Amino acid sequence: MSDDRSAGTPTAAAEWLAGFEAVIGTSAPGPEVTEALLNLAGVAAHDSERIAAPIACWMAGVAGVDPAEALERAKQYAQHRAG
């Protein structure tokens, strides 16, 4: 039997998130928000270390900042740090 988790397919992620929706009581983000979150995670991880990626996304969510706006702020912050 095939294990989609090892393949890391988008379908596996979509299935996992669909199941998690039921557990957490909210819907997974759509494609645009997902892309912004992944890019935000990428900026945080590349400007710092991997652990910053999920924490930055969590911080944006708790602060109520739109993921696209959080991404722009993260890019500005990374540029500022680079000098």
PDB file of N, CA and C in Angstrom:
ATOM      1  N   MET A   1       0.842  -1.181   0.000  1.00  0.00           N
ATOM      2  CA  MET A   1       0.000   0.000   0.000  1.00  0.00           C
ATOM      3  C   MET A   1       0.884   1.241   0.000  1.00  0.00           C
ATOM      4  N   SER A   2       0.491   2.262  -0.756  1.00  0.00           N
ATOM      5  CA  SER A   2       1.244   3.503  -0.880  1.00  0.00           C
ATOM      6  C   SER A   2       0.982   4.406   0.313  1.00  0.00           C
ATOM      7  N   ASP A   3       2.005   5.128   0.750  1.00  0.00           N
ATOM      8  CA  ASP A   3       1.881   6.081   1.853  1.00  0.00           C
ATOM      9  C   ASP A   3       2.130   7.476   1.316  1.00  0.00           C
ATOM     10  N   ASP A   4       1.070   8.259   1.109  1.00  0.00           N
ATOM     11  CA  ASP A   4       1.185   9.601   0.534  1.00  0.00           C
ATOM     12  C   ASP A   4       2.009  10.534   1.407  1.00  0.00           C
ATOM     13  N   ARG A   5       2.081  10.268   2.722  1.00  0.00           N
ATOM     14  CA  ARG A   5       2.827  11.157   3.601  1.00  0.00           C
ATOM     15  C   ARG A   5       4.298  11.199   3.218  1.00  0.00           C
ATOM     16  N   SER A   6       4.838  10.073   2.811  1.00  0.00           N
ATOM     17  CA  SER A   6       6.253  10.053   2.461  1.00  0.00           C
ATOM     18  C   SER A   6       6.510  10.778   1.150  1.00  0.00           C
ATOM     19  N   ALA A   7       5.517  10.854   0.288  1.00  0.00           N
ATOM     20  CA  ALA A   7       5.676  11.528  -0.989  1.00  0.00           C
ATOM     21  C   ALA A   7       5.562  13.041  -0.838  1.00  0.00           C
ATOM     22  N   GLY A   8       4.915  13.498   0.230  1.00  0.00           N
ATOM     23  CA  GLY A   8       4.759  14.927   0.444  1.00  0.00           C
ATOM     24  C   GLY A   8       3.889  15.584  -0.612  1.00  0.00           C
ATOM     25  N   THR A   9       2.918  14.857  -1.137  1.00  0.00           N
ATOM     26  CA  THR A   9       2.085  15.381  -2.211  1.00  0.00           C
ATOM     27  C   THR A   9       1.124  16.433  -1.684  1.00  0.00           C
ATOM     28  N   PRO A  10       0.739  17.382  -2.542  1.00  0.00           N
ATOM     29  CA  PRO A  10      -0.258  18.364  -2.130  1.00  0.00           C
ATOM     30  C   PRO A  10      -1.551  17.711  -1.675  1.00  0.00           C
ATOM     31  N   THR A  11      -1.905  16.581  -2.283  1.00  0.00           N
ATOM     32  CA  THR A  11      -3.113  15.878  -1.886  1.00  0.00           C
ATOM     33  C   THR A  11      -3.025  15.419  -0.445  1.00  0.00           C
ATOM     34  N   ALA A  12      -1.872  14.921  -0.037  1.00  0.00           N
ATOM     35  CA  ALA A  12      -1.696  14.495   1.345  1.00  0.00           C
ATOM     36  C   ALA A  12      -1.865  15.674   2.296  1.00  0.00           C
ATOM     37  N   ALA A  13      -1.291  16.812   1.935  1.00  0.00           N
ATOM     38  CA  ALA A  13      -1.430  18.002   2.773  1.00  0.00           C
ATOM     39  C   ALA A  13      -2.884  18.453   2.815  1.00  0.00           C
ATOM     40  N   ALA A  14      -3.543  18.453   1.685  1.00  0.00           N
ATOM     41  CA  ALA A  14      -4.952  18.873   1.633  1.00  0.00           C
ATOM     42  C   ALA A  14      -5.822  17.941   2.467  1.00  0.00           C
ATOM     43  N   GLU A  15      -5.548  16.656   2.384  1.00  0.00           N
ATOM     44  CA  GLU A  15      -6.316  15.694   3.179  1.00  0.00           C
ATOM     45  C   GLU A  15      -6.074  15.902   4.675  1.00  0.00           C
ATOM     46  N   TRP A  16      -4.810  16.118   5.040  1.00  0.00           N
ATOM     47  CA  TRP A  16      -4.483  16.327   6.452  1.00  0.00           C
ATOM     48  C   TRP A  16      -5.166  17.584   6.963  1.00  0.00           C
ATOM     49  N   LEU A  17      -5.077  18.670   6.188  1.00  0.00           N
ATOM     50  CA  LEU A  17      -5.686  19.927   6.601  1.00  0.00           C
ATOM     51  C   LEU A  17      -7.203  19.823   6.680  1.00  0.00           C
ATOM     52  N   ALA A  18      -7.803  19.074   5.771  1.00  0.00           N
ATOM     53  CA  ALA A  18      -9.256  18.869   5.821  1.00  0.00           C
ATOM     54  C   ALA A  18      -9.649  18.151   7.109  1.00  0.00           C
ATOM     55  N   GLY A  19      -8.873  17.165   7.499  1.00  0.00           N
ATOM     56  CA  GLY A  19      -9.141  16.470   8.759  1.00  0.00           C
ATOM     57  C   GLY A  19      -8.907  17.378   9.955  1.00  0.00           C
ATOM     58  N   PHE A  20      -7.861  18.180   9.897  1.00  0.00           N
ATOM     59  CA  PHE A  20      -7.538  19.083  10.996  1.00  0.00           C
ATOM     60  C   PHE A  20      -8.597  20.165  11.152  1.00  0.00           C
ATOM     61  N   GLU A  21      -9.222  20.569  10.035  1.00  0.00           N
ATOM     62  CA  GLU A  21     -10.328  21.536  10.097  1.00  0.00           C
ATOM     63  C   GLU A  21     -11.381  21.079  11.085  1.00  0.00           C
ATOM     64  N   ALA A  22     -11.737  19.807  10.993  1.00  0.00           N
ATOM     65  CA  ALA A  22     -12.775  19.265  11.863  1.00  0.00           C
ATOM     66  C   ALA A  22     -12.333  19.261  13.324  1.00  0.00           C
ATOM     67  N   VAL A  23     -11.066  19.010  13.552  1.00  0.00           N
ATOM     68  CA  VAL A  23     -10.549  18.948  14.913  1.00  0.00           C
ATOM     69  C   VAL A  23     -10.443  20.326  15.548  1.00  0.00           C
ATOM     70  N   ILE A  24     -10.016  21.312  14.749  1.00  0.00           N
ATOM     71  CA  ILE A  24      -9.772  22.645  15.299  1.00  0.00           C
ATOM     72  C   ILE A  24     -10.985  23.570  15.176  1.00  0.00           C
ATOM     73  N   GLY A  25     -11.907  23.238  14.286  1.00  0.00           N
ATOM     74  CA  GLY A  25     -13.134  24.016  14.162  1.00  0.00           C
ATOM     75  C   GLY A  25     -13.031  25.245  13.279  1.00  0.00           C
ATOM     76  N   THR A  26     -12.141  25.219  12.315  1.00  0.00           N
ATOM     77  CA  THR A  26     -12.024  26.323  11.365  1.00  0.00           C
ATOM     78  C   THR A  26     -11.583  25.771  10.020  1.00  0.00           C
ATOM     79  N   SER A  27     -11.747  26.554   8.983  1.00  0.00           N
ATOM     80  CA  SER A  27     -11.394  26.107   7.641  1.00  0.00           C
ATOM     81  C   SER A  27      -9.936  26.394   7.327  1.00  0.00           C
ATOM     82  N   ALA A  28      -9.360  25.548   6.501  1.00  0.00           N
ATOM     83  CA  ALA A  28      -8.010  25.789   5.993  1.00  0.00           C
ATOM     84  C   ALA A  28      -8.066  26.993   5.056  1.00  0.00           C
ATOM     85  N   PRO A  29      -6.956  27.722   4.939  1.00  0.00           N
ATOM     86  CA  PRO A  29      -6.953  28.878   4.041  1.00  0.00           C
ATOM     87  C   PRO A  29      -7.030  28.459   2.581  1.00  0.00           C
ATOM     88  N   GLY A  30      -7.480  29.381   1.742  1.00  0.00           N
ATOM     89  CA  GLY A  30      -7.519  29.147   0.308  1.00  0.00           C
ATOM     90  C   GLY A  30      -6.126  29.256  -0.291  1.00  0.00           C
ATOM     91  N   PRO A  31      -6.034  29.070  -1.599  1.00  0.00           N
ATOM     92  CA  PRO A  31      -4.726  29.046  -2.270  1.00  0.00           C
ATOM     93  C   PRO A  31      -3.903  30.326  -2.111  1.00  0.00           C
ATOM     94  N   GLU A  32      -4.520  31.494  -2.187  1.00  0.00           N
ATOM     95  CA  GLU A  32      -3.760  32.746  -2.070  1.00  0.00           C
ATOM     96  C   GLU A  32      -3.199  32.939  -0.670  1.00  0.00           C
ATOM     97  N   VAL A  33      -4.004  32.661   0.331  1.00  0.00           N
ATOM     98  CA  VAL A  33      -3.545  32.792   1.711  1.00  0.00           C
ATOM     99  C   VAL A  33      -2.484  31.739   2.011  1.00  0.00           C
ATOM    100  N   THR A  34      -2.697  30.536   1.508  1.00  0.00           N
ATOM    101  CA  THR A  34      -1.705  29.474   1.693  1.00  0.00           C
ATOM    102  C   THR A  34      -0.369  29.888   1.106  1.00  0.00           C
ATOM    103  N   GLU A  35      -0.383  30.440  -0.099  1.00  0.00           N
ATOM    104  CA  GLU A  35       0.853  30.888  -0.754  1.00  0.00           C
ATOM    105  C   GLU A  35       1.541  31.978   0.066  1.00  0.00           C
ATOM    106  N   ALA A  36       0.767  32.935   0.585  1.00  0.00           N
ATOM    107  CA  ALA A  36       1.349  34.005   1.402  1.00  0.00           C
ATOM    108  C   ALA A  36       1.957  33.445   2.680  1.00  0.00           C
ATOM    109  N   LEU A  37       1.278  32.491   3.310  1.00  0.00           N
ATOM    110  CA  LEU A  37       1.818  31.887   4.531  1.00  0.00           C
ATOM    111  C   LEU A  37       3.098  31.117   4.259  1.00  0.00           C
ATOM    112  N   LEU A  38       3.119  30.365   3.160  1.00  0.00           N
ATOM    113  CA  LEU A  38       4.331  29.624   2.818  1.00  0.00           C
ATOM    114  C   LEU A  38       5.490  30.568   2.517  1.00  0.00           C
ATOM    115  N   ASN A  39       5.200  31.667   1.845  1.00  0.00           N
ATOM    116  CA  ASN A  39       6.244  32.653   1.559  1.00  0.00           C
ATOM    117  C   ASN A  39       6.713  33.356   2.830  1.00  0.00           C
ATOM    118  N   LEU A  40       5.775  33.664   3.724  1.00  0.00           N
ATOM    119  CA  LEU A  40       6.133  34.254   5.016  1.00  0.00           C
ATOM    120  C   LEU A  40       7.045  33.298   5.783  1.00  0.00           C
ATOM    121  N   ALA A  41       6.670  32.036   5.799  1.00  0.00           N
ATOM    122  CA  ALA A  41       7.498  31.035   6.476  1.00  0.00           C
ATOM    123  C   ALA A  41       8.886  30.970   5.849  1.00  0.00           C
ATOM    124  N   GLY A  42       8.948  31.071   4.532  1.00  0.00           N
ATOM    125  CA  GLY A  42      10.231  31.036   3.838  1.00  0.00           C
ATOM    126  C   GLY A  42      11.119  32.209   4.202  1.00  0.00           C
ATOM    127  N   VAL A  43      10.538  33.403   4.262  1.00  0.00           N
ATOM    128  CA  VAL A  43      11.318  34.588   4.630  1.00  0.00           C
ATOM    129  C   VAL A  43      11.852  34.428   6.050  1.00  0.00           C
ATOM    130  N   ALA A  44      10.981  34.020   6.962  1.00  0.00           N
ATOM    131  CA  ALA A  44      11.396  33.865   8.359  1.00  0.00           C
ATOM    132  C   ALA A  44      12.496  32.819   8.498  1.00  0.00           C
ATOM    133  N   ALA A  45      12.342  31.704   7.820  1.00  0.00           N
ATOM    134  CA  ALA A  45      13.319  30.626   7.931  1.00  0.00           C
ATOM    135  C   ALA A  45      14.651  31.000   7.304  1.00  0.00           C
ATOM    136  N   HIS A  46      14.617  31.665   6.173  1.00  0.00           N
ATOM    137  CA  HIS A  46      15.859  32.011   5.489  1.00  0.00           C
ATOM    138  C   HIS A  46      16.593  33.178   6.146  1.00  0.00           C
ATOM    139  N   ASP A  47      15.864  34.067   6.810  1.00  0.00           N
ATOM    140  CA  ASP A  47      16.496  35.206   7.464  1.00  0.00           C
ATOM    141  C   ASP A  47      16.955  34.859   8.880  1.00  0.00           C
ATOM    142  N   SER A  48      16.496  33.716   9.390  1.00  0.00           N
ATOM    143  CA  SER A  48      16.818  33.332  10.756  1.00  0.00           C
ATOM    144  C   SER A  48      17.193  31.859  10.784  1.00  0.00           C
ATOM    145  N   GLU A  49      16.287  31.043  11.244  1.00  0.00           N
ATOM    146  CA  GLU A  49      16.439  29.598  11.222  1.00  0.00           C
ATOM    147  C   GLU A  49      15.054  28.983  11.094  1.00  0.00           C
ATOM    148  N   ARG A  50      15.000  27.704  10.797  1.00  0.00           N
ATOM    149  CA  ARG A  50      13.729  27.053  10.469  1.00  0.00           C
ATOM    150  C   ARG A  50      12.646  27.251  11.514  1.00  0.00           C
ATOM    151  N   ILE A  51      12.994  27.265  12.764  1.00  0.00           N
ATOM    152  CA  ILE A  51      11.983  27.375  13.815  1.00  0.00           C
ATOM    153  C   ILE A  51      11.193  28.678  13.709  1.00  0.00           C
ATOM    154  N   ALA A  52      11.788  29.704  13.111  1.00  0.00           N
ATOM    155  CA  ALA A  52      11.096  30.986  12.973  1.00  0.00           C
ATOM    156  C   ALA A  52       9.894  30.901  12.035  1.00  0.00           C
ATOM    157  N   ALA A  53       9.895  29.947  11.110  1.00  0.00           N
ATOM    158  CA  ALA A  53       8.831  29.861  10.106  1.00  0.00           C
ATOM    159  C   ALA A  53       7.447  29.644  10.710  1.00  0.00           C
ATOM    160  N   PRO A  54       7.224  28.572  11.454  1.00  0.00           N
ATOM    161  CA  PRO A  54       5.864  28.386  11.989  1.00  0.00           C
ATOM    162  C   PRO A  54       5.504  29.418  13.050  1.00  0.00           C
ATOM    163  N   ILE A  55       6.500  29.864  13.803  1.00  0.00           N
ATOM    164  CA  ILE A  55       6.217  30.849  14.848  1.00  0.00           C
ATOM    165  C   ILE A  55       5.810  32.188  14.233  1.00  0.00           C
ATOM    166  N   ALA A  56       6.465  32.589  13.155  1.00  0.00           N
ATOM    167  CA  ALA A  56       6.099  33.841  12.475  1.00  0.00           C
ATOM    168  C   ALA A  56       4.668  33.766  11.943  1.00  0.00           C
ATOM    169  N   CYS A  57       4.297  32.626  11.379  1.00  0.00           N
ATOM    170  CA  CYS A  57       2.919  32.457  10.880  1.00  0.00           C
ATOM    171  C   CYS A  57       1.922  32.518  12.026  1.00  0.00           C
ATOM    172  N   TRP A  58       2.263  31.882  13.120  1.00  0.00           N
ATOM    173  CA  TRP A  58       1.391  31.912  14.299  1.00  0.00           C
ATOM    174  C   TRP A  58       1.236  33.340  14.811  1.00  0.00           C
ATOM    175  N   MET A  59       2.370  34.064  14.896  1.00  0.00           N
ATOM    176  CA  MET A  59       2.329  35.446  15.375  1.00  0.00           C
ATOM    177  C   MET A  59       1.438  36.314  14.498  1.00  0.00           C
ATOM    178  N   ALA A  60       1.538  36.148  13.185  1.00  0.00           N
ATOM    179  CA  ALA A  60       0.693  36.923  12.268  1.00  0.00           C
ATOM    180  C   ALA A  60      -0.777  36.608  12.511  1.00  0.00           C
ATOM    181  N   GLY A  61      -1.078  35.328  12.696  1.00  0.00           N
ATOM    182  CA  GLY A  61      -2.464  34.935  12.941  1.00  0.00           C
ATOM    183  C   GLY A  61      -3.010  35.493  14.239  1.00  0.00           C
ATOM    184  N   VAL A  62      -2.238  35.397  15.302  1.00  0.00           N
ATOM    185  CA  VAL A  62      -2.674  35.904  16.598  1.00  0.00           C
ATOM    186  C   VAL A  62      -2.846  37.421  16.554  1.00  0.00           C
ATOM    187  N   ALA A  63      -1.964  38.091  15.813  1.00  0.00           N
ATOM    188  CA  ALA A  63      -2.051  39.548  15.695  1.00  0.00           C
ATOM    189  C   ALA A  63      -3.176  39.989  14.761  1.00  0.00           C
ATOM    190  N   GLY A  64      -3.750  39.034  14.024  1.00  0.00           N
ATOM    191  CA  GLY A  64      -4.823  39.374  13.096  1.00  0.00           C
ATOM    192  C   GLY A  64      -4.329  40.080  11.849  1.00  0.00           C
ATOM    193  N   VAL A  65      -3.051  39.893  11.526  1.00  0.00           N
ATOM    194  CA  VAL A  65      -2.472  40.525  10.338  1.00  0.00           C
ATOM    195  C   VAL A  65      -2.708  39.605   9.148  1.00  0.00           C
ATOM    196  N   ASP A  66      -3.242  40.158   8.075  1.00  0.00           N
ATOM    197  CA  ASP A  66      -3.465  39.396   6.852  1.00  0.00           C
ATOM    198  C   ASP A  66      -2.142  38.768   6.406  1.00  0.00           C
ATOM    199  N   PRO A  67      -2.143  37.503   5.998  1.00  0.00           N
ATOM    200  CA  PRO A  67      -0.898  36.850   5.605  1.00  0.00           C
ATOM    201  C   PRO A  67      -0.104  37.588   4.526  1.00  0.00           C
ATOM    202  N   ALA A  68      -0.775  38.175   3.552  1.00  0.00           N
ATOM    203  CA  ALA A  68      -0.060  38.926   2.512  1.00  0.00           C
ATOM    204  C   ALA A  68       0.621  40.154   3.109  1.00  0.00           C
ATOM    205  N   GLU A  69      -0.050  40.820   4.028  1.00  0.00           N
ATOM    206  CA  GLU A  69       0.538  41.975   4.707  1.00  0.00           C
ATOM    207  C   GLU A  69       1.686  41.533   5.607  1.00  0.00           C
ATOM    208  N   ALA A  70       1.511  40.429   6.307  1.00  0.00           N
ATOM    209  CA  ALA A  70       2.586  39.906   7.160  1.00  0.00           C
ATOM    210  C   ALA A  70       3.810  39.549   6.326  1.00  0.00           C
ATOM    211  N   LEU A  71       3.592  39.011   5.139  1.00  0.00           N
ATOM    212  CA  LEU A  71       4.700  38.683   4.241  1.00  0.00           C
ATOM    213  C   LEU A  71       5.465  39.948   3.864  1.00  0.00           C
ATOM    214  N   GLU A  72       4.754  40.993   3.494  1.00  0.00           N
ATOM    215  CA  GLU A  72       5.416  42.245   3.127  1.00  0.00           C
ATOM    216  C   GLU A  72       6.200  42.821   4.304  1.00  0.00           C
ATOM    217  N   ARG A  73       5.613  42.775   5.484  1.00  0.00           N
ATOM    218  CA  ARG A  73       6.311  43.272   6.670  1.00  0.00           C
ATOM    219  C   ARG A  73       7.555  42.436   6.967  1.00  0.00           C
ATOM    220  N   ALA A  74       7.453  41.130   6.781  1.00  0.00           N
ATOM    221  CA  ALA A  74       8.598  40.251   7.011  1.00  0.00           C
ATOM    222  C   ALA A  74       9.720  40.547   6.017  1.00  0.00           C
ATOM    223  N   LYS A  75       9.352  40.791   4.756  1.00  0.00           N
ATOM    224  CA  LYS A  75      10.365  41.138   3.751  1.00  0.00           C
ATOM    225  C   LYS A  75      11.054  42.450   4.122  1.00  0.00           C
ATOM    226  N   GLN A  76      10.270  43.432   4.554  1.00  0.00           N
ATOM    227  CA  GLN A  76      10.846  44.716   4.954  1.00  0.00           C
ATOM    228  C   GLN A  76      11.769  44.539   6.153  1.00  0.00           C
ATOM    229  N   TYR A  77      11.351  43.737   7.107  1.00  0.00           N
ATOM    230  CA  TYR A  77      12.161  43.483   8.296  1.00  0.00           C
ATOM    231  C   TYR A  77      13.461  42.798   7.913  1.00  0.00           C
ATOM    232  N   ALA A  78      13.395  41.807   7.022  1.00  0.00           N
ATOM    233  CA  ALA A  78      14.589  41.089   6.588  1.00  0.00           C
ATOM    234  C   ALA A  78      15.547  42.039   5.861  1.00  0.00           C
ATOM    235  N   GLN A  79      15.003  42.911   5.025  1.00  0.00           N
ATOM    236  CA  GLN A  79      15.841  43.893   4.320  1.00  0.00           C
ATOM    237  C   GLN A  79      16.504  44.850   5.306  1.00  0.00           C
ATOM    238  N   HIS A  80      15.750  45.269   6.293  1.00  0.00           N
ATOM    239  CA  HIS A  80      16.278  46.173   7.322  1.00  0.00           C
ATOM    240  C   HIS A  80      17.421  45.506   8.085  1.00  0.00           C
ATOM    241  N   ARG A  81      17.248  44.222   8.419  1.00  0.00           N
ATOM    242  CA  ARG A  81      18.290  43.488   9.130  1.00  0.00           C
ATOM    243  C   ARG A  81      19.539  43.331   8.294  1.00  0.00           C
ATOM    244  N   ALA A  82      19.354  43.202   6.984  1.00  0.00           N
ATOM    245  CA  ALA A  82      20.491  43.009   6.085  1.00  0.00           C
ATOM    246  C   ALA A  82      21.296  44.294   5.928  1.00  0.00           C
ATOM    247  N   GLY A  83      20.641  45.398   6.264  1.00  0.00           N
ATOM    248  CA  GLY A  83      21.335  46.691   6.217  1.00  0.00           C
ATOM    249  C   GLY A  83      21.371  47.254   4.887  1.00  0.00           C
TER     250      GLY A  83
END
